[in-house]
Amino acid sequence: MEQNRTVVTEIILLGFSRDLTTSTVLFLLFFTVYVITVTGNCLLMLVVLLTPHLHTPMYFFLFMLSFLDLCNSTSVVPRLLLDIFSISRVISIGDCTIQLYTILLMGGTESLLLTLMAYDRYVAICRPLHYPVLMRWSVCYRLTAIVWILSFFIFVFPTLAMPIPLCNPNQINHFMCEILAITELTCTHLFLSKLLVLCICFTSLLLPFVFIIVSYGFIIFSVLKIHSAGRSKAFSTCTSHILVVALFFGTEMILYFGASAEYSTNQGKYISVFYAIICPMLNPLIYSLNNKDVKERLKKLSHFVFIKSNID
């Protein structure tokens, strides 16, 4: 009993299969996904920076989304790649804490940013005459700062104020320090720890999702009043955001409010792969494929690089 209450200094991540063939396939898969994630998000950020006519609030928020996806993926995948062929798969409490807080901060900020992007589309479509005033640059910068500050105080500060003491057995059926998995190792106050996680999930997922749904309710109502020629153009500015919202909130709600919250099975671990690794790769692809301006700029950029390489 005393052994079970020994405070741990490191955590064993069970990760995935230890079979060499399976590990090799997983390494190649996750490495490829990470390369595409880094390339796609960096290219999208570069396109927004280098294209003057894309210096608008919508693309500013898109730039921030790519930055968050890049940080979120980088906080998880490099460590995962190192652990795939590792025998011990041990992570120190310090490294685990940094990874946990990074995931919470980036995930919470992305949730609020997607909400802010929905508000931007609402103002652009439902109140177009007021858009230059309501979404002027000074307002955009302040809203973005508020998103980051709120994310810290809502998603990170509560876990800092109420640290979770961890005990043996010090292993979790996961490949990263995910908050639901970590709370299973708590020595005491398990109910309070899970209540804290539930409050964070309610604030970071349900409330923003309801706001986004309401915003798009008003958007659809306004778009239906527009004649057919302008209707498709109005909807086209929202489709990418809707897809990203569906992927992000859908997977996280399944993870935190579904049966996958129990980490005795692999279900939660595999859902985490989708939201922490796959989604950051898909987001820039979704916005690139559905956005005419981004596609044209990417073609020009690739054409310039091709010509430059031939000259050299």
C-alpha atoms as a PDB file:
ATOM      1  CA  MET A   1       0.000   0.000   0.000  1.00  0.00           C
ATOM      2  CA  GLU A   2       2.870   2.321   0.854  1.00  0.00           C
ATOM      3  CA  GLN A   3       4.489   1.471  -2.445  1.00  0.00           C
ATOM      4  CA  ASN A   4       1.376   2.492  -4.326  1.00  0.00           C
ATOM      5  CA  ARG A   5       1.472   5.866  -2.588  1.00  0.00           C
ATOM      6  CA  THR A   6       5.098   6.559  -3.497  1.00  0.00           C
ATOM      7  CA  VAL A   7       5.221   9.811  -5.444  1.00  0.00           C
ATOM      8  CA  VAL A   8       6.696   9.135  -8.882  1.00  0.00           C
ATOM      9  CA  THR A   9       9.381  11.151 -10.672  1.00  0.00           C
ATOM     10  CA  GLU A  10       8.899   9.616 -14.122  1.00  0.00           C
ATOM     11  CA  ILE A  11       6.105   8.106 -16.190  1.00  0.00           C
ATOM     12  CA  ILE A  12       6.144   5.109 -18.504  1.00  0.00           C
ATOM     13  CA  LEU A  13       4.307   5.704 -21.777  1.00  0.00           C
ATOM     14  CA  LEU A  14       3.104   2.358 -23.115  1.00  0.00           C
ATOM     15  CA  GLY A  15       2.683   3.877 -26.567  1.00  0.00           C
ATOM     16  CA  PHE A  16       2.071   1.474 -29.414  1.00  0.00           C
ATOM     17  CA  SER A  17       3.193  -2.012 -30.339  1.00  0.00           C
ATOM     18  CA  ARG A  18       6.764  -3.127 -29.596  1.00  0.00           C
ATOM     19  CA  ASP A  19       6.824  -5.351 -32.660  1.00  0.00           C
ATOM     20  CA  LEU A  20       9.701  -4.238 -34.882  1.00  0.00           C
ATOM     21  CA  THR A  21       7.751  -4.361 -38.153  1.00  0.00           C
ATOM     22  CA  THR A  22       4.775  -2.476 -36.684  1.00  0.00           C
ATOM     23  CA  SER A  23       7.097   0.079 -35.058  1.00  0.00           C
ATOM     24  CA  THR A  24       8.886   0.670 -38.367  1.00  0.00           C
ATOM     25  CA  VAL A  25       5.605   1.247 -40.201  1.00  0.00           C
ATOM     26  CA  LEU A  26       4.375   3.606 -37.471  1.00  0.00           C
ATOM     27  CA  PHE A  27       7.649   5.532 -37.484  1.00  0.00           C
ATOM     28  CA  LEU A  28       7.502   6.058 -41.253  1.00  0.00           C
ATOM     29  CA  LEU A  29       3.822   7.015 -41.060  1.00  0.00           C
ATOM     30  CA  PHE A  30       4.189   9.547 -38.237  1.00  0.00           C
ATOM     31  CA  PHE A  31       7.416  10.948 -39.699  1.00  0.00           C
ATOM     32  CA  THR A  32       5.695  11.501 -43.069  1.00  0.00           C
ATOM     33  CA  VAL A  33       2.688  13.118 -41.392  1.00  0.00           C
ATOM     34  CA  TYR A  34       4.958  15.403 -39.361  1.00  0.00           C
ATOM     35  CA  VAL A  35       6.947  16.488 -42.438  1.00  0.00           C
ATOM     36  CA  ILE A  36       3.685  17.290 -44.274  1.00  0.00           C
ATOM     37  CA  THR A  37       2.407  19.140 -41.179  1.00  0.00           C
ATOM     38  CA  VAL A  38       5.513  21.306 -40.843  1.00  0.00           C
ATOM     39  CA  THR A  39       5.731  21.957 -44.595  1.00  0.00           C
ATOM     40  CA  GLY A  40       2.024  22.711 -45.029  1.00  0.00           C
ATOM     41  CA  ASN A  41       1.703  25.041 -42.046  1.00  0.00           C
ATOM     42  CA  CYS A  42       4.985  26.863 -42.765  1.00  0.00           C
ATOM     43  CA  LEU A  43       3.991  27.359 -46.410  1.00  0.00           C
ATOM     44  CA  LEU A  44       0.579  28.695 -45.416  1.00  0.00           C
ATOM     45  CA  MET A  45       2.154  31.107 -42.930  1.00  0.00           C
ATOM     46  CA  LEU A  46       4.683  32.182 -45.572  1.00  0.00           C
ATOM     47  CA  VAL A  47       1.970  32.764 -48.166  1.00  0.00           C
ATOM     48  CA  VAL A  48      -0.003  34.977 -45.773  1.00  0.00           C
ATOM     49  CA  LEU A  49       3.111  36.950 -44.835  1.00  0.00           C
ATOM     50  CA  LEU A  50       4.331  37.510 -48.410  1.00  0.00           C
ATOM     51  CA  THR A  51       0.982  38.346 -50.016  1.00  0.00           C
ATOM     52  CA  PRO A  52      -0.149  41.941 -49.328  1.00  0.00           C
ATOM     53  CA  HIS A  53      -3.771  41.416 -50.375  1.00  0.00           C
ATOM     54  CA  LEU A  54      -4.019  38.555 -47.853  1.00  0.00           C
ATOM     55  CA  HIS A  55      -3.237  40.930 -44.998  1.00  0.00           C
ATOM     56  CA  THR A  56      -6.802  40.818 -43.722  1.00  0.00           C
ATOM     57  CA  PRO A  57      -8.262  39.683 -40.381  1.00  0.00           C
ATOM     58  CA  MET A  58      -9.424  36.358 -41.838  1.00  0.00           C
ATOM     59  CA  TYR A  59      -5.928  35.421 -43.029  1.00  0.00           C
ATOM     60  CA  PHE A  60      -4.345  36.816 -39.873  1.00  0.00           C
ATOM     61  CA  PHE A  61      -6.400  34.328 -37.862  1.00  0.00           C
ATOM     62  CA  LEU A  62      -5.505  31.624 -40.377  1.00  0.00           C
ATOM     63  CA  PHE A  63      -1.823  32.443 -39.799  1.00  0.00           C
ATOM     64  CA  MET A  64      -2.358  32.036 -36.046  1.00  0.00           C
ATOM     65  CA  LEU A  65      -4.163  28.716 -36.608  1.00  0.00           C
ATOM     66  CA  SER A  66      -1.203  27.371 -38.600  1.00  0.00           C
ATOM     67  CA  PHE A  67       1.180  28.516 -35.870  1.00  0.00           C
ATOM     68  CA  LEU A  68      -0.879  26.706 -33.212  1.00  0.00           C
ATOM     69  CA  ASP A  69      -1.074  23.523 -35.293  1.00  0.00           C
ATOM     70  CA  LEU A  70       2.679  23.628 -35.815  1.00  0.00           C
ATOM     71  CA  CYS A  71       3.342  24.044 -32.074  1.00  0.00           C
ATOM     72  CA  ASN A  72       0.807  21.393 -31.100  1.00  0.00           C
ATOM     73  CA  SER A  73       2.245  18.808 -33.479  1.00  0.00           C
ATOM     74  CA  THR A  74       5.848  19.629 -32.508  1.00  0.00           C
ATOM     75  CA  SER A  75       5.059  19.157 -28.817  1.00  0.00           C
ATOM     76  CA  VAL A  76       3.941  15.574 -29.507  1.00  0.00           C
ATOM     77  CA  VAL A  77       5.396  13.969 -32.647  1.00  0.00           C
ATOM     78  CA  PRO A  78       9.205  14.326 -32.159  1.00  0.00           C
ATOM     79  CA  ARG A  79       8.923  12.693 -28.725  1.00  0.00           C
ATOM     80  CA  LEU A  80       6.690   9.965 -30.176  1.00  0.00           C
ATOM     81  CA  LEU A  81       9.222   9.230 -32.930  1.00  0.00           C
ATOM     82  CA  LEU A  82      11.982   8.853 -30.326  1.00  0.00           C
ATOM     83  CA  ASP A  83       9.858   6.526 -28.180  1.00  0.00           C
ATOM     84  CA  ILE A  84       8.705   4.194 -30.957  1.00  0.00           C
ATOM     85  CA  PHE A  85      11.981   2.213 -30.988  1.00  0.00           C
ATOM     86  CA  SER A  86      12.805   2.904 -27.331  1.00  0.00           C
ATOM     87  CA  ILE A  87      12.818   0.021 -24.854  1.00  0.00           C
ATOM     88  CA  SER A  88      11.951   2.002 -21.723  1.00  0.00           C
ATOM     89  CA  ARG A  89       9.660   4.742 -23.119  1.00  0.00           C
ATOM     90  CA  VAL A  90      10.122   6.735 -19.922  1.00  0.00           C
ATOM     91  CA  ILE A  91       9.424  10.465 -19.668  1.00  0.00           C
ATOM     92  CA  SER A  92      10.430  12.589 -16.686  1.00  0.00           C
ATOM     93  CA  ILE A  93       7.816  14.467 -14.704  1.00  0.00           C
ATOM     94  CA  GLY A  94       9.358  17.758 -15.862  1.00  0.00           C
ATOM     95  CA  ASP A  95       9.179  16.873 -19.565  1.00  0.00           C
ATOM     96  CA  CYS A  96       5.701  15.428 -19.100  1.00  0.00           C
ATOM     97  CA  THR A  97       4.529  18.615 -17.375  1.00  0.00           C
ATOM     98  CA  ILE A  98       5.898  20.813 -20.173  1.00  0.00           C
ATOM     99  CA  GLN A  99       4.208  18.644 -22.801  1.00  0.00           C
ATOM    100  CA  LEU A 100       0.920  18.605 -20.874  1.00  0.00           C
ATOM    101  CA  TYR A 101       0.812  22.392 -20.436  1.00  0.00           C
ATOM    102  CA  THR A 102       1.799  22.962 -24.066  1.00  0.00           C
ATOM    103  CA  ILE A 103      -1.021  20.699 -25.277  1.00  0.00           C
ATOM    104  CA  LEU A 104      -3.509  22.421 -22.954  1.00  0.00           C
ATOM    105  CA  LEU A 105      -2.426  25.929 -23.961  1.00  0.00           C
ATOM    106  CA  MET A 106      -2.283  25.272 -27.715  1.00  0.00           C
ATOM    107  CA  GLY A 107      -5.491  23.218 -27.746  1.00  0.00           C
ATOM    108  CA  GLY A 108      -7.387  25.760 -25.664  1.00  0.00           C
ATOM    109  CA  THR A 109      -6.096  28.665 -27.752  1.00  0.00           C
ATOM    110  CA  GLU A 110      -7.067  26.882 -30.975  1.00  0.00           C
ATOM    111  CA  SER A 111     -10.574  26.297 -29.636  1.00  0.00           C
ATOM    112  CA  LEU A 112     -11.022  30.000 -28.821  1.00  0.00           C
ATOM    113  CA  LEU A 113      -9.358  31.049 -32.075  1.00  0.00           C
ATOM    114  CA  LEU A 114     -11.801  28.946 -34.119  1.00  0.00           C
ATOM    115  CA  THR A 115     -14.574  30.694 -32.195  1.00  0.00           C
ATOM    116  CA  LEU A 116     -13.039  34.064 -33.040  1.00  0.00           C
ATOM    117  CA  MET A 117     -12.824  33.040 -36.711  1.00  0.00           C
ATOM    118  CA  ALA A 118     -16.540  32.190 -36.637  1.00  0.00           C
ATOM    119  CA  TYR A 119     -17.239  35.657 -35.212  1.00  0.00           C
ATOM    120  CA  ASP A 120     -15.129  37.183 -38.005  1.00  0.00           C
ATOM    121  CA  ARG A 121     -17.221  35.366 -40.639  1.00  0.00           C
ATOM    122  CA  TYR A 122     -20.431  36.410 -38.853  1.00  0.00           C
ATOM    123  CA  VAL A 123     -19.469  40.094 -38.964  1.00  0.00           C
ATOM    124  CA  ALA A 124     -18.253  39.848 -42.586  1.00  0.00           C
ATOM    125  CA  ILE A 125     -21.484  38.246 -43.843  1.00  0.00           C
ATOM    126  CA  CYS A 126     -24.176  39.490 -41.474  1.00  0.00           C
ATOM    127  CA  ARG A 127     -22.841  43.010 -40.851  1.00  0.00           C
ATOM    128  CA  PRO A 128     -20.633  43.801 -43.857  1.00  0.00           C
ATOM    129  CA  LEU A 129     -20.981  47.586 -43.561  1.00  0.00           C
ATOM    130  CA  HIS A 130     -19.689  47.488 -39.980  1.00  0.00           C
ATOM    131  CA  TYR A 131     -16.866  45.026 -40.727  1.00  0.00           C
ATOM    132  CA  PRO A 132     -14.094  47.648 -41.280  1.00  0.00           C
ATOM    133  CA  VAL A 133     -14.865  49.101 -37.848  1.00  0.00           C
ATOM    134  CA  LEU A 134     -15.673  45.974 -35.834  1.00  0.00           C
ATOM    135  CA  MET A 135     -12.688  44.022 -37.211  1.00  0.00           C
ATOM    136  CA  ARG A 136     -10.104  46.770 -37.650  1.00  0.00           C
ATOM    137  CA  TRP A 137      -6.509  45.749 -36.940  1.00  0.00           C
ATOM    138  CA  SER A 138      -6.367  47.201 -33.428  1.00  0.00           C
ATOM    139  CA  VAL A 139      -9.417  45.132 -32.500  1.00  0.00           C
ATOM    140  CA  CYS A 140      -7.968  41.977 -34.101  1.00  0.00           C
ATOM    141  CA  TYR A 141      -4.732  42.311 -32.143  1.00  0.00           C
ATOM    142  CA  ARG A 142      -6.615  42.837 -28.889  1.00  0.00           C
ATOM    143  CA  LEU A 143      -8.937  39.902 -29.526  1.00  0.00           C
ATOM    144  CA  THR A 144      -5.971  37.659 -30.300  1.00  0.00           C
ATOM    145  CA  ALA A 145      -4.190  38.764 -27.113  1.00  0.00           C
ATOM    146  CA  ILE A 146      -7.364  38.097 -25.119  1.00  0.00           C
ATOM    147  CA  VAL A 147      -7.581  34.606 -26.642  1.00  0.00           C
ATOM    148  CA  TRP A 148      -4.034  33.779 -25.492  1.00  0.00           C
ATOM    149  CA  ILE A 149      -4.544  35.262 -22.016  1.00  0.00           C
ATOM    150  CA  LEU A 150      -7.885  33.512 -21.516  1.00  0.00           C
ATOM    151  CA  SER A 151      -6.381  30.224 -22.692  1.00  0.00           C
ATOM    152  CA  PHE A 152      -3.650  30.438 -20.086  1.00  0.00           C
ATOM    153  CA  PHE A 153      -5.937  31.333 -17.192  1.00  0.00           C
ATOM    154  CA  ILE A 154      -8.721  28.909 -18.154  1.00  0.00           C
ATOM    155  CA  PHE A 155      -6.756  25.857 -19.286  1.00  0.00           C
ATOM    156  CA  VAL A 156      -3.282  26.074 -17.733  1.00  0.00           C
ATOM    157  CA  PHE A 157      -3.594  28.100 -14.526  1.00  0.00           C
ATOM    158  CA  PRO A 158      -6.116  25.737 -12.802  1.00  0.00           C
ATOM    159  CA  THR A 159      -3.709  22.798 -13.112  1.00  0.00           C
ATOM    160  CA  LEU A 160      -0.862  25.005 -11.861  1.00  0.00           C
ATOM    161  CA  ALA A 161      -2.942  26.164  -8.897  1.00  0.00           C
ATOM    162  CA  MET A 162      -4.043  22.608  -8.072  1.00  0.00           C
ATOM    163  CA  PRO A 163      -1.161  20.285  -9.031  1.00  0.00           C
ATOM    164  CA  ILE A 164      -1.993  16.592  -9.306  1.00  0.00           C
ATOM    165  CA  PRO A 165       0.201  14.320  -7.124  1.00  0.00           C
ATOM    166  CA  LEU A 166       1.017  11.150  -9.070  1.00  0.00           C
ATOM    167  CA  CYS A 167       1.610   7.701  -7.582  1.00  0.00           C
ATOM    168  CA  ASN A 168       2.574   4.191  -8.629  1.00  0.00           C
ATOM    169  CA  PRO A 169       1.870   2.321 -10.844  1.00  0.00           C
ATOM    170  CA  ASN A 170       3.430   5.056 -12.983  1.00  0.00           C
ATOM    171  CA  GLN A 171       2.437   3.889 -16.468  1.00  0.00           C
ATOM    172  CA  ILE A 172      -0.284   5.102 -18.827  1.00  0.00           C
ATOM    173  CA  ASN A 173      -1.714   3.539 -21.971  1.00  0.00           C
ATOM    174  CA  HIS A 174      -0.787   6.497 -24.138  1.00  0.00           C
ATOM    175  CA  PHE A 175       1.959   7.950 -26.311  1.00  0.00           C
ATOM    176  CA  MET A 176       1.895  11.427 -24.737  1.00  0.00           C
ATOM    177  CA  CYS A 177       1.059  13.181 -21.472  1.00  0.00           C
ATOM    178  CA  GLU A 178      -2.638  13.661 -22.104  1.00  0.00           C
ATOM    179  CA  ILE A 179      -4.575  15.128 -19.179  1.00  0.00           C
ATOM    180  CA  LEU A 180      -7.212  12.378 -18.958  1.00  0.00           C
ATOM    181  CA  ALA A 181      -4.539   9.697 -18.858  1.00  0.00           C
ATOM    182  CA  ILE A 182      -2.470  11.599 -16.284  1.00  0.00           C
ATOM    183  CA  THR A 183      -5.399  12.016 -13.884  1.00  0.00           C
ATOM    184  CA  GLU A 184      -5.664   8.220 -13.695  1.00  0.00           C
ATOM    185  CA  LEU A 185      -2.344   8.243 -11.803  1.00  0.00           C
ATOM    186  CA  THR A 186      -3.433  10.696  -9.125  1.00  0.00           C
ATOM    187  CA  CYS A 187      -2.841   9.639  -5.505  1.00  0.00           C
ATOM    188  CA  THR A 188      -5.672  11.575  -3.894  1.00  0.00           C
ATOM    189  CA  HIS A 189      -8.664  13.728  -4.775  1.00  0.00           C
ATOM    190  CA  LEU A 190      -9.453  11.732  -7.918  1.00  0.00           C
ATOM    191  CA  PHE A 191     -12.982  13.179  -7.964  1.00  0.00           C
ATOM    192  CA  LEU A 192     -11.689  16.760  -7.762  1.00  0.00           C
ATOM    193  CA  SER A 193      -9.120  16.086 -10.499  1.00  0.00           C
ATOM    194  CA  LYS A 194     -11.753  14.683 -12.847  1.00  0.00           C
ATOM    195  CA  LEU A 195     -14.108  17.531 -11.968  1.00  0.00           C
ATOM    196  CA  LEU A 196     -11.352  20.007 -12.892  1.00  0.00           C
ATOM    197  CA  VAL A 197     -10.831  18.229 -16.227  1.00  0.00           C
ATOM    198  CA  LEU A 198     -14.596  18.274 -16.855  1.00  0.00           C
ATOM    199  CA  CYS A 199     -14.750  22.037 -16.191  1.00  0.00           C
ATOM    200  CA  ILE A 200     -11.830  22.658 -18.544  1.00  0.00           C
ATOM    201  CA  CYS A 201     -13.475  20.547 -21.248  1.00  0.00           C
ATOM    202  CA  PHE A 202     -16.807  22.324 -20.790  1.00  0.00           C
ATOM    203  CA  THR A 203     -15.132  25.725 -21.120  1.00  0.00           C
ATOM    204  CA  SER A 204     -12.824  24.810 -23.991  1.00  0.00           C
ATOM    205  CA  LEU A 205     -15.179  22.643 -26.052  1.00  0.00           C
ATOM    206  CA  LEU A 206     -18.907  22.955 -25.333  1.00  0.00           C
ATOM    207  CA  LEU A 207     -19.162  26.738 -24.860  1.00  0.00           C
ATOM    208  CA  PRO A 208     -17.061  27.657 -27.938  1.00  0.00           C
ATOM    209  CA  PHE A 209     -18.855  25.031 -30.019  1.00  0.00           C
ATOM    210  CA  VAL A 210     -22.274  26.423 -29.045  1.00  0.00           C
ATOM    211  CA  PHE A 211     -21.084  29.944 -29.929  1.00  0.00           C
ATOM    212  CA  ILE A 212     -19.859  28.724 -33.333  1.00  0.00           C
ATOM    213  CA  ILE A 213     -23.156  26.940 -34.024  1.00  0.00           C
ATOM    214  CA  VAL A 214     -25.133  30.067 -33.117  1.00  0.00           C
ATOM    215  CA  SER A 215     -22.855  32.222 -35.309  1.00  0.00           C
ATOM    216  CA  TYR A 216     -23.352  29.954 -38.289  1.00  0.00           C
ATOM    217  CA  GLY A 217     -27.074  29.901 -37.620  1.00  0.00           C
ATOM    218  CA  PHE A 218     -27.124  33.674 -38.153  1.00  0.00           C
ATOM    219  CA  ILE A 219     -24.779  33.324 -41.152  1.00  0.00           C
ATOM    220  CA  ILE A 220     -27.023  30.754 -42.873  1.00  0.00           C
ATOM    221  CA  PHE A 221     -30.077  32.893 -42.169  1.00  0.00           C
ATOM    222  CA  SER A 222     -28.375  35.932 -43.753  1.00  0.00           C
ATOM    223  CA  VAL A 223     -26.959  34.002 -46.716  1.00  0.00           C
ATOM    224  CA  LEU A 224     -30.383  32.590 -47.604  1.00  0.00           C
ATOM    225  CA  LYS A 225     -31.547  36.174 -48.150  1.00  0.00           C
ATOM    226  CA  ILE A 226     -28.827  36.751 -50.753  1.00  0.00           C
ATOM    227  CA  HIS A 227     -29.540  36.037 -54.423  1.00  0.00           C
ATOM    228  CA  SER A 228     -28.070  32.787 -55.777  1.00  0.00           C
ATOM    229  CA  ALA A 229     -25.050  34.421 -57.460  1.00  0.00           C
ATOM    230  CA  GLY A 230     -23.690  35.848 -54.222  1.00  0.00           C
ATOM    231  CA  ARG A 231     -24.833  32.953 -52.064  1.00  0.00           C
ATOM    232  CA  SER A 232     -22.171  30.495 -53.233  1.00  0.00           C
ATOM    233  CA  LYS A 233     -19.421  33.085 -52.742  1.00  0.00           C
ATOM    234  CA  ALA A 234     -20.581  33.763 -49.183  1.00  0.00           C
ATOM    235  CA  PHE A 235     -20.692  30.056 -48.353  1.00  0.00           C
ATOM    236  CA  SER A 236     -17.282  29.431 -49.937  1.00  0.00           C
ATOM    237  CA  THR A 237     -15.595  31.649 -47.332  1.00  0.00           C
ATOM    238  CA  CYS A 238     -17.024  29.455 -44.561  1.00  0.00           C
ATOM    239  CA  THR A 239     -16.640  25.874 -45.835  1.00  0.00           C
ATOM    240  CA  SER A 240     -12.973  25.501 -44.839  1.00  0.00           C
ATOM    241  CA  HIS A 241     -13.648  26.824 -41.360  1.00  0.00           C
ATOM    242  CA  ILE A 242     -16.650  24.526 -40.937  1.00  0.00           C
ATOM    243  CA  LEU A 243     -14.561  21.472 -41.899  1.00  0.00           C
ATOM    244  CA  VAL A 244     -11.776  22.407 -39.476  1.00  0.00           C
ATOM    245  CA  VAL A 245     -14.303  23.032 -36.683  1.00  0.00           C
ATOM    246  CA  ALA A 246     -15.960  19.661 -37.340  1.00  0.00           C
ATOM    247  CA  LEU A 247     -12.607  17.836 -37.213  1.00  0.00           C
ATOM    248  CA  PHE A 248     -11.281  19.642 -34.134  1.00  0.00           C
ATOM    249  CA  PHE A 249     -14.389  19.709 -31.947  1.00  0.00           C
ATOM    250  CA  GLY A 250     -15.718  16.368 -33.183  1.00  0.00           C
ATOM    251  CA  THR A 251     -12.628  14.358 -32.248  1.00  0.00           C
ATOM    252  CA  GLU A 252     -12.046  16.164 -28.941  1.00  0.00           C
ATOM    253  CA  MET A 253     -15.665  15.771 -27.830  1.00  0.00           C
ATOM    254  CA  ILE A 254     -15.532  12.062 -28.618  1.00  0.00           C
ATOM    255  CA  LEU A 255     -12.322  11.827 -26.612  1.00  0.00           C
ATOM    256  CA  TYR A 256     -13.338  13.818 -23.538  1.00  0.00           C
ATOM    257  CA  PHE A 257     -17.061  13.120 -23.347  1.00  0.00           C
ATOM    258  CA  GLY A 258     -17.217   9.615 -24.829  1.00  0.00           C
ATOM    259  CA  ALA A 259     -16.394   6.158 -23.563  1.00  0.00           C
ATOM    260  CA  SER A 260     -12.802   6.688 -24.674  1.00  0.00           C
ATOM    261  CA  ALA A 261     -12.201   8.640 -21.457  1.00  0.00           C
ATOM    262  CA  GLU A 262     -11.445   5.276 -19.858  1.00  0.00           C
ATOM    263  CA  TYR A 263      -7.817   4.478 -20.608  1.00  0.00           C
ATOM    264  CA  SER A 264      -8.049   0.739 -19.998  1.00  0.00           C
ATOM    265  CA  THR A 265      -8.574   0.437 -23.759  1.00  0.00           C
ATOM    266  CA  ASN A 266      -6.763   1.861 -26.790  1.00  0.00           C
ATOM    267  CA  GLN A 267      -9.725   3.900 -28.065  1.00  0.00           C
ATOM    268  CA  GLY A 268      -8.711   7.191 -26.431  1.00  0.00           C
ATOM    269  CA  LYS A 269      -5.126   6.786 -27.586  1.00  0.00           C
ATOM    270  CA  TYR A 270      -6.149   6.345 -31.215  1.00  0.00           C
ATOM    271  CA  ILE A 271      -8.547   9.305 -31.092  1.00  0.00           C
ATOM    272  CA  SER A 272      -5.684  11.388 -29.688  1.00  0.00           C
ATOM    273  CA  VAL A 273      -3.618  10.442 -32.747  1.00  0.00           C
ATOM    274  CA  PHE A 274      -6.264  12.047 -34.914  1.00  0.00           C
ATOM    275  CA  TYR A 275      -6.645  15.344 -33.053  1.00  0.00           C
ATOM    276  CA  ALA A 276      -2.995  15.810 -32.023  1.00  0.00           C
ATOM    277  CA  ILE A 277      -1.226  14.512 -35.155  1.00  0.00           C
ATOM    278  CA  ILE A 278      -3.605  14.184 -38.122  1.00  0.00           C
ATOM    279  CA  CYS A 279      -5.681  17.361 -37.670  1.00  0.00           C
ATOM    280  CA  PRO A 280      -2.650  19.723 -37.676  1.00  0.00           C
ATOM    281  CA  MET A 281      -1.682  18.139 -41.009  1.00  0.00           C
ATOM    282  CA  LEU A 282      -5.174  18.390 -42.517  1.00  0.00           C
ATOM    283  CA  ASN A 283      -5.935  22.003 -41.551  1.00  0.00           C
ATOM    284  CA  PRO A 284      -3.504  23.727 -43.969  1.00  0.00           C
ATOM    285  CA  LEU A 285      -4.518  21.284 -46.717  1.00  0.00           C
ATOM    286  CA  ILE A 286      -8.195  22.093 -46.188  1.00  0.00           C
ATOM    287  CA  TYR A 287      -7.622  25.844 -46.335  1.00  0.00           C
ATOM    288  CA  SER A 288      -5.257  25.542 -49.319  1.00  0.00           C
ATOM    289  CA  LEU A 289      -7.544  23.330 -51.411  1.00  0.00           C
ATOM    290  CA  ASN A 290     -10.669  25.386 -50.698  1.00  0.00           C
ATOM    291  CA  ASN A 291      -9.134  28.845 -51.075  1.00  0.00           C
ATOM    292  CA  LYS A 292      -8.537  30.301 -54.526  1.00  0.00           C
ATOM    293  CA  ASP A 293      -6.184  33.067 -53.317  1.00  0.00           C
ATOM    294  CA  VAL A 294      -3.989  30.646 -51.377  1.00  0.00           C
ATOM    295  CA  LYS A 295      -3.833  28.168 -54.276  1.00  0.00           C
ATOM    296  CA  GLU A 296      -2.824  30.887 -56.745  1.00  0.00           C
ATOM    297  CA  ARG A 297      -0.132  32.204 -54.430  1.00  0.00           C
ATOM    298  CA  LEU A 298       1.218  28.691 -53.815  1.00  0.00           C
ATOM    299  CA  LYS A 299       1.433  28.102 -57.567  1.00  0.00           C
ATOM    300  CA  LYS A 300       3.354  31.352 -58.035  1.00  0.00           C
ATOM    301  CA  LEU A 301       5.648  30.501 -55.136  1.00  0.00           C
ATOM    302  CA  SER A 302       6.367  26.999 -56.435  1.00  0.00           C
ATOM    303  CA  HIS A 303       6.918  28.393 -59.947  1.00  0.00           C
ATOM    304  CA  PHE A 304       9.391  30.943 -58.574  1.00  0.00           C
ATOM    305  CA  VAL A 305      11.268  28.256 -56.608  1.00  0.00           C
ATOM    306  CA  PHE A 306      11.390  26.016 -59.701  1.00  0.00           C
ATOM    307  CA  ILE A 307      12.808  28.807 -61.885  1.00  0.00           C
ATOM    308  CA  LYS A 308      15.280  29.819 -59.180  1.00  0.00           C
ATOM    309  CA  SER A 309      16.554  26.246 -58.799  1.00  0.00           C
ATOM    310  CA  ASN A 310      17.020  25.919 -62.574  1.00  0.00           C
ATOM    311  CA  ILE A 311      18.963  29.185 -62.752  1.00  0.00           C
ATOM    312  CA  ASP A 312      21.235  28.096 -59.902  1.00  0.00           C
END
